[in-house]
C-alpha atoms as a PDB file:
ATOM      1  CA  UNK A   1      -8.187 117.803  45.027  1.00  0.00           C
ATOM      2  CA  UNK A   2     -11.582 119.402  44.486  1.00  0.00           C
ATOM      3  CA  UNK A   3     -11.881 122.757  42.837  1.00  0.00           C
ATOM      4  CA  UNK A   4     -14.642 124.976  41.532  1.00  0.00           C
ATOM      5  CA  UNK A   5     -13.895 127.554  38.881  1.00  0.00           C
ATOM      6  CA  UNK A   6     -15.217 131.035  39.085  1.00  0.00           C
ATOM      7  CA  UNK A   7     -18.506 132.590  37.838  1.00  0.00           C
ATOM      8  CA  UNK A   8     -26.407 103.071   4.834  1.00  0.00           C
ATOM      9  CA  UNK A   9     -27.906 100.091   5.150  1.00  0.00           C
ATOM     10  CA  UNK A  10     -25.533 100.139   2.111  1.00  0.00           C
ATOM     11  CA  UNK A  11     -24.775  96.370   1.819  1.00  0.00           C
ATOM     12  CA  UNK A  12     -27.252  94.173  -0.073  1.00  0.00           C
ATOM     13  CA  UNK A  13     -29.001  91.399   1.822  1.00  0.00           C
ATOM     14  CA  UNK A  14     -26.891  88.633   0.306  1.00  0.00           C
ATOM     15  CA  UNK A  15     -23.735  90.290   1.527  1.00  0.00           C
ATOM     16  CA  UNK A  16     -25.174  90.677   5.009  1.00  0.00           C
ATOM     17  CA  UNK A  17     -26.143  86.991   5.109  1.00  0.00           C
ATOM     18  CA  UNK A  18     -22.670  85.999   4.001  1.00  0.00           C
ATOM     19  CA  UNK A  19     -21.094  88.031   6.750  1.00  0.00           C
ATOM     20  CA  UNK A  20     -23.441  86.584   9.371  1.00  0.00           C
ATOM     21  CA  UNK A  21     -22.501  83.099   8.207  1.00  0.00           C
ATOM     22  CA  UNK A  22     -18.856  83.715   9.062  1.00  0.00           C
ATOM     23  CA  UNK A  23     -19.724  85.258  12.407  1.00  0.00           C
ATOM     24  CA  UNK A  24     -18.744  88.793  11.646  1.00  0.00           C
ATOM     25  CA  UNK A  25     -22.130  90.503  11.989  1.00  0.00           C
ATOM     26  CA  UNK A  26     -24.660  89.887  14.715  1.00  0.00           C
ATOM     27  CA  UNK A  27     -27.911  88.308  13.544  1.00  0.00           C
ATOM     28  CA  UNK A  28     -29.983  91.349  14.459  1.00  0.00           C
ATOM     29  CA  UNK A  29     -28.229  93.523  12.073  1.00  0.00           C
ATOM     30  CA  UNK A  30     -29.806  96.405  10.669  1.00  0.00           C
ATOM     31  CA  UNK A  31     -26.658  97.407  12.539  1.00  0.00           C
ATOM     32  CA  UNK A  32     -24.666  97.081   9.327  1.00  0.00           C
ATOM     33  CA  UNK A  33     -21.792  99.100   8.020  1.00  0.00           C
ATOM     34  CA  UNK A  34     -21.130 100.310   4.525  1.00  0.00           C
ATOM     35  CA  UNK A  35     -18.611  98.654   2.207  1.00  0.00           C
ATOM     36  CA  UNK A  36     -15.741  99.888   4.377  1.00  0.00           C
ATOM     37  CA  UNK A  37     -16.675  98.665   7.876  1.00  0.00           C
ATOM     38  CA  UNK A  38     -18.174  95.636   9.577  1.00  0.00           C
ATOM     39  CA  UNK A  39     -19.405  95.169  13.109  1.00  0.00           C
ATOM     40  CA  UNK A  40     -17.591  92.723  15.381  1.00  0.00           C
ATOM     41  CA  UNK A  41     -20.149  90.567  17.183  1.00  0.00           C
ATOM     42  CA  UNK A  42     -19.716  90.006  20.918  1.00  0.00           C
ATOM     43  CA  UNK A  43     -16.391  91.767  21.014  1.00  0.00           C
ATOM     44  CA  UNK A  44     -16.583  92.451  24.743  1.00  0.00           C
ATOM     45  CA  UNK A  45     -16.335  89.635  27.274  1.00  0.00           C
ATOM     46  CA  UNK A  46     -18.724  90.953  29.893  1.00  0.00           C
ATOM     47  CA  UNK A  47     -18.599  89.402  33.361  1.00  0.00           C
ATOM     48  CA  UNK A  48     -20.907  86.413  33.924  1.00  0.00           C
ATOM     49  CA  UNK A  49     -24.624  87.219  34.313  1.00  0.00           C
ATOM     50  CA  UNK A  50     -24.166  90.826  33.219  1.00  0.00           C
ATOM     51  CA  UNK A  51     -25.172  92.721  30.115  1.00  0.00           C
ATOM     52  CA  UNK A  52     -24.854  96.213  28.751  1.00  0.00           C
ATOM     53  CA  UNK A  53     -27.032  98.914  30.258  1.00  0.00           C
ATOM     54  CA  UNK A  54     -27.656 102.418  28.978  1.00  0.00           C
ATOM     55  CA  UNK A  55     -24.232 103.266  27.583  1.00  0.00           C
ATOM     56  CA  UNK A  56     -23.303 106.909  27.244  1.00  0.00           C
ATOM     57  CA  UNK A  57     -19.523 107.007  26.874  1.00  0.00           C
ATOM     58  CA  UNK A  58     -16.513 105.194  25.469  1.00  0.00           C
ATOM     59  CA  UNK A  59     -12.852 105.939  24.870  1.00  0.00           C
ATOM     60  CA  UNK A  60      -9.502 104.164  24.590  1.00  0.00           C
ATOM     61  CA  UNK A  61      -6.216 104.675  26.401  1.00  0.00           C
ATOM     62  CA  UNK A  62      -2.692 104.611  24.982  1.00  0.00           C
ATOM     63  CA  UNK A  63      -2.711 100.776  25.083  1.00  0.00           C
ATOM     64  CA  UNK A  64      -6.080 100.591  23.288  1.00  0.00           C
ATOM     65  CA  UNK A  65      -7.805  99.442  26.460  1.00  0.00           C
ATOM     66  CA  UNK A  66     -11.480 100.367  26.128  1.00  0.00           C
ATOM     67  CA  UNK A  67     -13.176 102.392  28.843  1.00  0.00           C
ATOM     68  CA  UNK A  68     -16.979 102.257  28.637  1.00  0.00           C
ATOM     69  CA  UNK A  69     -19.354 104.430  30.632  1.00  0.00           C
ATOM     70  CA  UNK A  70     -22.697 103.082  31.791  1.00  0.00           C
ATOM     71  CA  UNK A  71     -25.415 105.454  32.957  1.00  0.00           C
ATOM     72  CA  UNK A  72     -27.918 103.007  34.434  1.00  0.00           C
ATOM     73  CA  UNK A  73     -29.660  99.602  34.223  1.00  0.00           C
ATOM     74  CA  UNK A  74     -28.468  98.438  36.549  1.00  0.00           C
ATOM     75  CA  UNK A  75     -25.997 101.043  37.732  1.00  0.00           C
ATOM     76  CA  UNK A  76     -23.640 103.778  36.674  1.00  0.00           C
ATOM     77  CA  UNK A  77     -20.014 102.709  36.392  1.00  0.00           C
ATOM     78  CA  UNK A  78     -16.892 102.627  34.253  1.00  0.00           C
ATOM     79  CA  UNK A  79     -16.228  99.181  32.712  1.00  0.00           C
ATOM     80  CA  UNK A  80     -12.800  98.505  31.224  1.00  0.00           C
ATOM     81  CA  UNK A  81     -11.707  95.923  28.620  1.00  0.00           C
ATOM     82  CA  UNK A  82      -8.405  95.245  26.889  1.00  0.00           C
ATOM     83  CA  UNK A  83      -8.029  95.621  23.119  1.00  0.00           C
ATOM     84  CA  UNK A  84      -9.211  92.016  22.580  1.00  0.00           C
ATOM     85  CA  UNK A  85     -12.311  92.552  24.666  1.00  0.00           C
ATOM     86  CA  UNK A  86     -11.197  90.848  27.869  1.00  0.00           C
ATOM     87  CA  UNK A  87     -12.797  92.349  30.955  1.00  0.00           C
ATOM     88  CA  UNK A  88     -10.198  94.052  33.098  1.00  0.00           C
ATOM     89  CA  UNK A  89     -11.981  95.979  35.837  1.00  0.00           C
ATOM     90  CA  UNK A  90     -14.800  98.294  36.717  1.00  0.00           C
ATOM     91  CA  UNK A  91     -15.013 101.238  39.054  1.00  0.00           C
ATOM     92  CA  UNK A  92     -17.261 104.066  40.169  1.00  0.00           C
ATOM     93  CA  UNK A  93     -20.404 101.997  40.706  1.00  0.00           C
ATOM     94  CA  UNK A  94     -23.382 104.258  41.487  1.00  0.00           C
ATOM     95  CA  UNK A  95     -21.140 107.333  41.725  1.00  0.00           C
ATOM     96  CA  UNK A  96     -22.472 109.071  38.596  1.00  0.00           C
ATOM     97  CA  UNK A  97     -26.180 109.962  38.831  1.00  0.00           C
ATOM     98  CA  UNK A  98     -26.097 111.866  35.531  1.00  0.00           C
ATOM     99  CA  UNK A  99     -23.399 109.951  33.645  1.00  0.00           C
ATOM    100  CA  UNK A 100     -22.813 111.635  30.310  1.00  0.00           C
ATOM    101  CA  UNK A 101     -19.405 111.593  28.571  1.00  0.00           C
ATOM    102  CA  UNK A 102     -16.087 109.851  29.175  1.00  0.00           C
ATOM    103  CA  UNK A 103     -12.859 111.000  27.607  1.00  0.00           C
ATOM    104  CA  UNK A 104      -9.250 109.931  28.000  1.00  0.00           C
ATOM    105  CA  UNK A 105      -7.421 113.133  27.250  1.00  0.00           C
ATOM    106  CA  UNK A 106      -3.841 113.906  26.270  1.00  0.00           C
ATOM    107  CA  UNK A 107      -2.724 113.709  29.906  1.00  0.00           C
ATOM    108  CA  UNK A 108      -3.724 110.017  29.997  1.00  0.00           C
ATOM    109  CA  UNK A 109      -6.407 110.582  32.615  1.00  0.00           C
ATOM    110  CA  UNK A 110     -10.099 109.717  32.513  1.00  0.00           C
ATOM    111  CA  UNK A 111     -12.334 112.783  32.367  1.00  0.00           C
ATOM    112  CA  UNK A 112     -16.046 112.407  33.007  1.00  0.00           C
ATOM    113  CA  UNK A 113     -18.956 114.807  32.744  1.00  0.00           C
ATOM    114  CA  UNK A 114     -22.021 114.322  34.917  1.00  0.00           C
ATOM    115  CA  UNK A 115     -25.147 116.365  34.171  1.00  0.00           C
ATOM    116  CA  UNK A 116     -26.734 115.899  37.580  1.00  0.00           C
ATOM    117  CA  UNK A 117     -23.600 116.590  39.540  1.00  0.00           C
ATOM    118  CA  UNK A 118     -22.968 119.468  37.090  1.00  0.00           C
ATOM    119  CA  UNK A 119     -19.256 118.699  37.222  1.00  0.00           C
ATOM    120  CA  UNK A 120     -16.230 117.719  35.193  1.00  0.00           C
ATOM    121  CA  UNK A 121     -14.376 114.959  37.060  1.00  0.00           C
ATOM    122  CA  UNK A 122     -10.762 113.905  36.533  1.00  0.00           C
ATOM    123  CA  UNK A 123      -9.683 110.367  37.506  1.00  0.00           C
ATOM    124  CA  UNK A 124      -6.614 108.248  37.104  1.00  0.00           C
ATOM    125  CA  UNK A 125      -7.038 105.029  35.095  1.00  0.00           C
ATOM    126  CA  UNK A 126      -7.967 103.083  38.230  1.00  0.00           C
ATOM    127  CA  UNK A 127     -10.728 105.456  39.280  1.00  0.00           C
ATOM    128  CA  UNK A 128      -9.015 107.646  41.846  1.00  0.00           C
ATOM    129  CA  UNK A 129     -10.545 111.116  41.831  1.00  0.00           C
ATOM    130  CA  UNK A 130      -7.926 113.774  41.119  1.00  0.00           C
ATOM    131  CA  UNK A 131      -9.952 116.930  40.561  1.00  0.00           C
ATOM    132  CA  UNK A 132     -13.516 118.110  40.179  1.00  0.00           C
ATOM    133  CA  UNK A 133     -14.587 121.294  38.436  1.00  0.00           C
ATOM    134  CA  UNK A 134     -17.902 122.984  39.040  1.00  0.00           C
ATOM    135  CA  UNK A 135     -20.090 123.232  42.105  1.00  0.00           C
ATOM    136  CA  UNK A 136     -21.540 119.838  42.932  1.00  0.00           C
ATOM    137  CA  UNK A 137     -25.271 119.764  42.299  1.00  0.00           C
ATOM    138  CA  UNK A 138     -25.434 123.494  41.622  1.00  0.00           C
ATOM    139  CA  UNK A 139     -26.802 124.799  38.324  1.00  0.00           C
ATOM    140  CA  UNK A 140     -25.323 128.020  36.985  1.00  0.00           C
ATOM    141  CA  UNK A 141     -26.539 130.532  34.426  1.00  0.00           C
ATOM    142  CA  UNK A 142     -25.041 130.836  30.949  1.00  0.00           C
ATOM    143  CA  UNK A 143     -22.657 133.520  32.220  1.00  0.00           C
ATOM    144  CA  UNK A 144     -21.673 131.702  35.412  1.00  0.00           C
ATOM    145  CA  UNK A 145     -18.000 131.527  36.332  1.00  0.00           C
ATOM    146  CA  UNK A 146     -18.310 128.754  38.900  1.00  0.00           C
ATOM    147  CA  UNK A 147     -21.190 126.464  37.814  1.00  0.00           C
ATOM    148  CA  UNK A 148     -22.499 124.526  34.814  1.00  0.00           C
ATOM    149  CA  UNK A 149     -26.041 123.715  33.691  1.00  0.00           C
ATOM    150  CA  UNK A 150     -26.074 120.961  31.063  1.00  0.00           C
ATOM    151  CA  UNK A 151     -22.412 119.999  31.053  1.00  0.00           C
ATOM    152  CA  UNK A 152     -21.850 117.510  28.235  1.00  0.00           C
ATOM    153  CA  UNK A 153     -18.209 116.976  27.168  1.00  0.00           C
ATOM    154  CA  UNK A 154     -14.601 118.044  27.662  1.00  0.00           C
ATOM    155  CA  UNK A 155     -11.463 118.356  25.507  1.00  0.00           C
ATOM    156  CA  UNK A 156      -7.890 119.355  26.311  1.00  0.00           C
ATOM    157  CA  UNK A 157      -5.683 121.721  24.342  1.00  0.00           C
ATOM    158  CA  UNK A 158      -1.952 121.133  23.914  1.00  0.00           C
ATOM    159  CA  UNK A 159      -1.222 123.658  26.662  1.00  0.00           C
ATOM    160  CA  UNK A 160      -3.464 121.809  29.107  1.00  0.00           C
ATOM    161  CA  UNK A 161      -6.403 124.176  28.959  1.00  0.00           C
ATOM    162  CA  UNK A 162      -9.784 122.489  29.072  1.00  0.00           C
ATOM    163  CA  UNK A 163     -12.646 123.265  26.683  1.00  0.00           C
ATOM    164  CA  UNK A 164     -16.006 122.216  28.070  1.00  0.00           C
ATOM    165  CA  UNK A 165     -19.329 122.042  26.224  1.00  0.00           C
ATOM    166  CA  UNK A 166     -22.022 123.197  28.612  1.00  0.00           C
ATOM    167  CA  UNK A 167     -25.163 122.777  26.581  1.00  0.00           C
ATOM    168  CA  UNK A 168     -27.417 119.782  27.175  1.00  0.00           C
ATOM    169  CA  UNK A 169     -29.650 121.837  29.367  1.00  0.00           C
ATOM    170  CA  UNK A 170     -30.484 125.512  29.730  1.00  0.00           C
ATOM    171  CA  UNK A 171     -26.932 126.648  28.974  1.00  0.00           C
ATOM    172  CA  UNK A 172     -25.617 126.950  25.410  1.00  0.00           C
ATOM    173  CA  UNK A 173     -21.915 127.701  25.600  1.00  0.00           C
ATOM    174  CA  UNK A 174     -18.312 126.552  25.550  1.00  0.00           C
ATOM    175  CA  UNK A 175     -16.251 127.223  28.674  1.00  0.00           C
ATOM    176  CA  UNK A 176     -12.467 127.561  28.682  1.00  0.00           C
ATOM    177  CA  UNK A 177     -10.760 126.459  31.892  1.00  0.00           C
ATOM    178  CA  UNK A 178      -7.135 126.574  33.021  1.00  0.00           C
ATOM    179  CA  UNK A 179      -5.266 123.343  33.897  1.00  0.00           C
ATOM    180  CA  UNK A 180      -5.773 124.050  37.603  1.00  0.00           C
ATOM    181  CA  UNK A 181      -9.540 124.258  37.165  1.00  0.00           C
ATOM    182  CA  UNK A 182      -9.902 128.030  37.156  1.00  0.00           C
ATOM    183  CA  UNK A 183     -12.369 129.748  34.875  1.00  0.00           C
ATOM    184  CA  UNK A 184     -10.860 131.690  31.934  1.00  0.00           C
ATOM    185  CA  UNK A 185     -13.743 132.610  29.623  1.00  0.00           C
ATOM    186  CA  UNK A 186     -16.813 131.338  27.821  1.00  0.00           C
ATOM    187  CA  UNK A 187     -18.549 131.929  24.500  1.00  0.00           C
ATOM    188  CA  UNK A 188     -21.928 131.125  23.008  1.00  0.00           C
ATOM    189  CA  UNK A 189     -25.596 131.945  23.424  1.00  0.00           C
ATOM    190  CA  UNK A 190     -28.814 130.300  22.279  1.00  0.00           C
ATOM    191  CA  UNK A 191     -29.446 130.631  18.522  1.00  0.00           C
ATOM    192  CA  UNK A 192     -28.519 129.512  15.019  1.00  0.00           C
ATOM    193  CA  UNK A 193     -26.071 132.203  13.953  1.00  0.00           C
ATOM    194  CA  UNK A 194     -22.324 131.515  13.772  1.00  0.00           C
ATOM    195  CA  UNK A 195     -21.044 131.296  17.321  1.00  0.00           C
ATOM    196  CA  UNK A 196     -24.477 130.521  18.741  1.00  0.00           C
ATOM    197  CA  UNK A 197     -25.592 127.051  19.785  1.00  0.00           C
ATOM    198  CA  UNK A 198     -28.589 124.795  20.184  1.00  0.00           C
ATOM    199  CA  UNK A 199     -27.339 121.925  22.348  1.00  0.00           C
ATOM    200  CA  UNK A 200     -23.547 121.956  22.083  1.00  0.00           C
ATOM    201  CA  UNK A 201     -23.189 118.267  22.901  1.00  0.00           C
ATOM    202  CA  UNK A 202     -19.599 117.229  22.190  1.00  0.00           C
ATOM    203  CA  UNK A 203     -16.248 118.884  21.650  1.00  0.00           C
ATOM    204  CA  UNK A 204     -12.808 118.017  20.206  1.00  0.00           C
ATOM    205  CA  UNK A 205      -9.567 119.726  19.208  1.00  0.00           C
ATOM    206  CA  UNK A 206      -7.698 119.026  15.959  1.00  0.00           C
ATOM    207  CA  UNK A 207      -3.949 119.046  15.236  1.00  0.00           C
ATOM    208  CA  UNK A 208      -4.097 122.751  14.421  1.00  0.00           C
ATOM    209  CA  UNK A 209      -5.583 123.578  17.793  1.00  0.00           C
ATOM    210  CA  UNK A 210      -9.014 124.348  16.363  1.00  0.00           C
ATOM    211  CA  UNK A 211     -11.998 123.627  18.570  1.00  0.00           C
ATOM    212  CA  UNK A 212     -14.806 121.582  16.980  1.00  0.00           C
ATOM    213  CA  UNK A 213     -18.233 121.695  18.604  1.00  0.00           C
ATOM    214  CA  UNK A 214     -21.154 119.368  17.868  1.00  0.00           C
ATOM    215  CA  UNK A 215     -24.011 121.863  17.636  1.00  0.00           C
ATOM    216  CA  UNK A 216     -26.588 119.086  17.672  1.00  0.00           C
ATOM    217  CA  UNK A 217     -29.824 121.074  17.614  1.00  0.00           C
ATOM    218  CA  UNK A 218     -28.605 123.144  14.672  1.00  0.00           C
ATOM    219  CA  UNK A 219     -27.416 119.985  12.838  1.00  0.00           C
ATOM    220  CA  UNK A 220     -23.917 121.223  12.250  1.00  0.00           C
ATOM    221  CA  UNK A 221     -20.329 121.304  13.431  1.00  0.00           C
ATOM    222  CA  UNK A 222     -18.893 124.666  14.346  1.00  0.00           C
ATOM    223  CA  UNK A 223     -15.155 125.344  14.368  1.00  0.00           C
ATOM    224  CA  UNK A 224     -13.433 127.985  16.497  1.00  0.00           C
ATOM    225  CA  UNK A 225      -9.998 128.964  17.643  1.00  0.00           C
ATOM    226  CA  UNK A 226      -9.225 128.329  21.296  1.00  0.00           C
ATOM    227  CA  UNK A 227     -10.453 131.768  22.284  1.00  0.00           C
ATOM    228  CA  UNK A 228     -13.849 131.346  20.627  1.00  0.00           C
ATOM    229  CA  UNK A 229     -13.308 133.114  17.312  1.00  0.00           C
ATOM    230  CA  UNK A 230     -15.661 131.536  14.765  1.00  0.00           C
ATOM    231  CA  UNK A 231     -13.786 129.977  11.829  1.00  0.00           C
ATOM    232  CA  UNK A 232     -16.140 127.679   9.903  1.00  0.00           C
ATOM    233  CA  UNK A 233     -19.145 125.391  10.060  1.00  0.00           C
ATOM    234  CA  UNK A 234     -20.128 122.094   8.387  1.00  0.00           C
ATOM    235  CA  UNK A 235     -23.569 120.526   7.952  1.00  0.00           C
ATOM    236  CA  UNK A 236     -22.688 117.307   6.093  1.00  0.00           C
ATOM    237  CA  UNK A 237     -22.213 115.379   9.344  1.00  0.00           C
ATOM    238  CA  UNK A 238     -25.840 115.694  10.444  1.00  0.00           C
ATOM    239  CA  UNK A 239     -27.173 116.131  13.974  1.00  0.00           C
ATOM    240  CA  UNK A 240     -23.760 115.746  15.493  1.00  0.00           C
ATOM    241  CA  UNK A 241     -23.797 114.118  18.923  1.00  0.00           C
ATOM    242  CA  UNK A 242     -20.181 113.008  19.348  1.00  0.00           C
ATOM    243  CA  UNK A 243     -16.915 113.827  17.618  1.00  0.00           C
ATOM    244  CA  UNK A 244     -13.437 112.291  17.514  1.00  0.00           C
ATOM    245  CA  UNK A 245     -10.522 113.659  15.497  1.00  0.00           C
ATOM    246  CA  UNK A 246      -7.614 111.310  14.734  1.00  0.00           C
ATOM    247  CA  UNK A 247      -4.793 112.155  12.346  1.00  0.00           C
ATOM    248  CA  UNK A 248      -6.969 114.834  10.746  1.00  0.00           C
ATOM    249  CA  UNK A 249      -9.810 112.383  10.137  1.00  0.00           C
ATOM    250  CA  UNK A 250     -13.124 113.377  11.646  1.00  0.00           C
ATOM    251  CA  UNK A 251     -15.508 110.782  13.080  1.00  0.00           C
ATOM    252  CA  UNK A 252     -18.967 112.041  13.963  1.00  0.00           C
ATOM    253  CA  UNK A 253     -21.924 110.208  15.455  1.00  0.00           C
ATOM    254  CA  UNK A 254     -25.418 111.531  14.761  1.00  0.00           C
ATOM    255  CA  UNK A 255     -28.238 110.310  16.954  1.00  0.00           C
ATOM    256  CA  UNK A 256     -31.868 109.619  15.935  1.00  0.00           C
ATOM    257  CA  UNK A 257     -33.303 109.932  13.376  1.00  0.00           C
ATOM    258  CA  UNK A 258     -30.016 109.594  11.471  1.00  0.00           C
ATOM    259  CA  UNK A 259     -28.428 106.968  13.740  1.00  0.00           C
ATOM    260  CA  UNK A 260     -25.212 107.127  11.769  1.00  0.00           C
ATOM    261  CA  UNK A 261     -21.465 107.507  12.084  1.00  0.00           C
ATOM    262  CA  UNK A 262     -19.886 109.651   9.383  1.00  0.00           C
ATOM    263  CA  UNK A 263     -16.166 109.557   8.668  1.00  0.00           C
ATOM    264  CA  UNK A 264     -14.571 112.458   6.843  1.00  0.00           C
ATOM    265  CA  UNK A 265     -11.580 114.731   6.630  1.00  0.00           C
ATOM    266  CA  UNK A 266     -10.983 117.979   8.442  1.00  0.00           C
ATOM    267  CA  UNK A 267     -11.596 119.840   5.171  1.00  0.00           C
ATOM    268  CA  UNK A 268     -15.137 118.430   5.136  1.00  0.00           C
ATOM    269  CA  UNK A 269     -14.896 115.588   2.609  1.00  0.00           C
ATOM    270  CA  UNK A 270     -17.073 112.605   3.634  1.00  0.00           C
ATOM    271  CA  UNK A 271     -15.359 109.293   2.899  1.00  0.00           C
ATOM    272  CA  UNK A 272     -17.566 106.694   4.618  1.00  0.00           C
ATOM    273  CA  UNK A 273     -20.664 106.161   6.723  1.00  0.00           C
ATOM    274  CA  UNK A 274     -21.910 103.502   9.115  1.00  0.00           C
ATOM    275  CA  UNK A 275     -25.693 103.266   9.412  1.00  0.00           C
ATOM    276  CA  UNK A 276     -28.247 101.404  11.476  1.00  0.00           C
ATOM    277  CA  UNK A 277     -27.175 102.302  14.974  1.00  0.00           C
ATOM    278  CA  UNK A 278     -29.552 102.992  17.842  1.00  0.00           C
ATOM    279  CA  UNK A 279     -28.921 106.415  19.357  1.00  0.00           C
ATOM    280  CA  UNK A 280     -25.117 106.509  19.320  1.00  0.00           C
ATOM    281  CA  UNK A 281     -24.213 108.847  22.141  1.00  0.00           C
ATOM    282  CA  UNK A 282     -20.421 108.781  22.089  1.00  0.00           C
ATOM    283  CA  UNK A 283     -17.752 107.232  19.877  1.00  0.00           C
ATOM    284  CA  UNK A 284     -14.053 106.434  20.111  1.00  0.00           C
ATOM    285  CA  UNK A 285     -11.339 105.349  17.676  1.00  0.00           C
ATOM    286  CA  UNK A 286      -8.333 103.205  18.625  1.00  0.00           C
ATOM    287  CA  UNK A 287      -4.832 103.216  17.171  1.00  0.00           C
ATOM    288  CA  UNK A 288      -5.785 100.602  14.535  1.00  0.00           C
ATOM    289  CA  UNK A 289      -8.799 102.557  13.339  1.00  0.00           C
ATOM    290  CA  UNK A 290     -11.446 100.446  15.067  1.00  0.00           C
ATOM    291  CA  UNK A 291     -14.514 102.504  15.955  1.00  0.00           C
ATOM    292  CA  UNK A 292     -16.454 102.026  19.168  1.00  0.00           C
ATOM    293  CA  UNK A 293     -19.974 103.405  19.617  1.00  0.00           C
ATOM    294  CA  UNK A 294     -21.798 103.707  22.931  1.00  0.00           C
ATOM    295  CA  UNK A 295     -25.563 103.496  22.401  1.00  0.00           C
ATOM    296  CA  UNK A 296     -28.192 104.708  24.803  1.00  0.00           C
ATOM    297  CA  UNK A 297     -31.345 103.221  23.235  1.00  0.00           C
ATOM    298  CA  UNK A 298     -29.438 100.245  21.832  1.00  0.00           C
ATOM    299  CA  UNK A 299     -27.937  99.546  25.249  1.00  0.00           C
ATOM    300  CA  UNK A 300     -24.614  98.371  23.873  1.00  0.00           C
ATOM    301  CA  UNK A 301     -21.105  99.369  22.984  1.00  0.00           C
ATOM    302  CA  UNK A 302     -20.505  98.328  19.378  1.00  0.00           C
ATOM    303  CA  UNK A 303     -17.149  97.782  17.681  1.00  0.00           C
ATOM    304  CA  UNK A 304     -16.581  98.365  13.946  1.00  0.00           C
ATOM    305  CA  UNK A 305     -13.471  97.437  11.995  1.00  0.00           C
ATOM    306  CA  UNK A 306     -12.445  97.951   8.401  1.00  0.00           C
ATOM    307  CA  UNK A 307     -13.147  95.072   6.048  1.00  0.00           C
END
């Protein structure tokens, strides 16, 4: 069904060497974690003669299978692994010219945003297209009720409504969409005041139903209710590029120059950081607390686990 909706390195060098010796950290590693996390080298068993390309998305399903989203080099596609890193399948080769974010939402489906198609796409876990939202290839203004222009991420409220960040491009807004794909409302304009955005790049919803937006250009998180009422903002997470909220813990990736994942609580207390990444574009957290990071410049999907 197709629809359109209306108009640090914190560890000392000796510790790093010790970890490399036992095979826990890859040799190249400025990609180190702080005292709480370590990177798992070669966690993913890629098919023979293949390697990571430009990776823009990652998420996990209810079985902790890992869905990774490749933009290019060589092709766009979704590549799926089990929790131990065994390759399971891939789908969607060359179907996503502007591959951006991949989310597995509360309905168990794969939701993808594509900046060139200017669409939100819903798939089942095997890659069957279920619904598309937005006019394919059509760019809409910031007040459009049927088109996007810079669509970046999508989240789902408990009632099934979708919240879409439309902001890596000319638009600077959040769009609220009904479960059937129909436009409800939007909020946001260009600026730095509360409720304004400069590249709203990622979006998530916490257990209280609050909507968290990565306002990357303004180097902050903004928090709203589902109807767009401004509630709070936080700057301690940096130039937020991707956000995941699990059990009221907030995981935020900040791209260059920070190149960091920050872990904190929903009341804003920072408890840990992971430094030394290379343009982390999207992150995911599985049921055991493992963190996955899709890197664009680094051309990899990294896995971090607690020590």
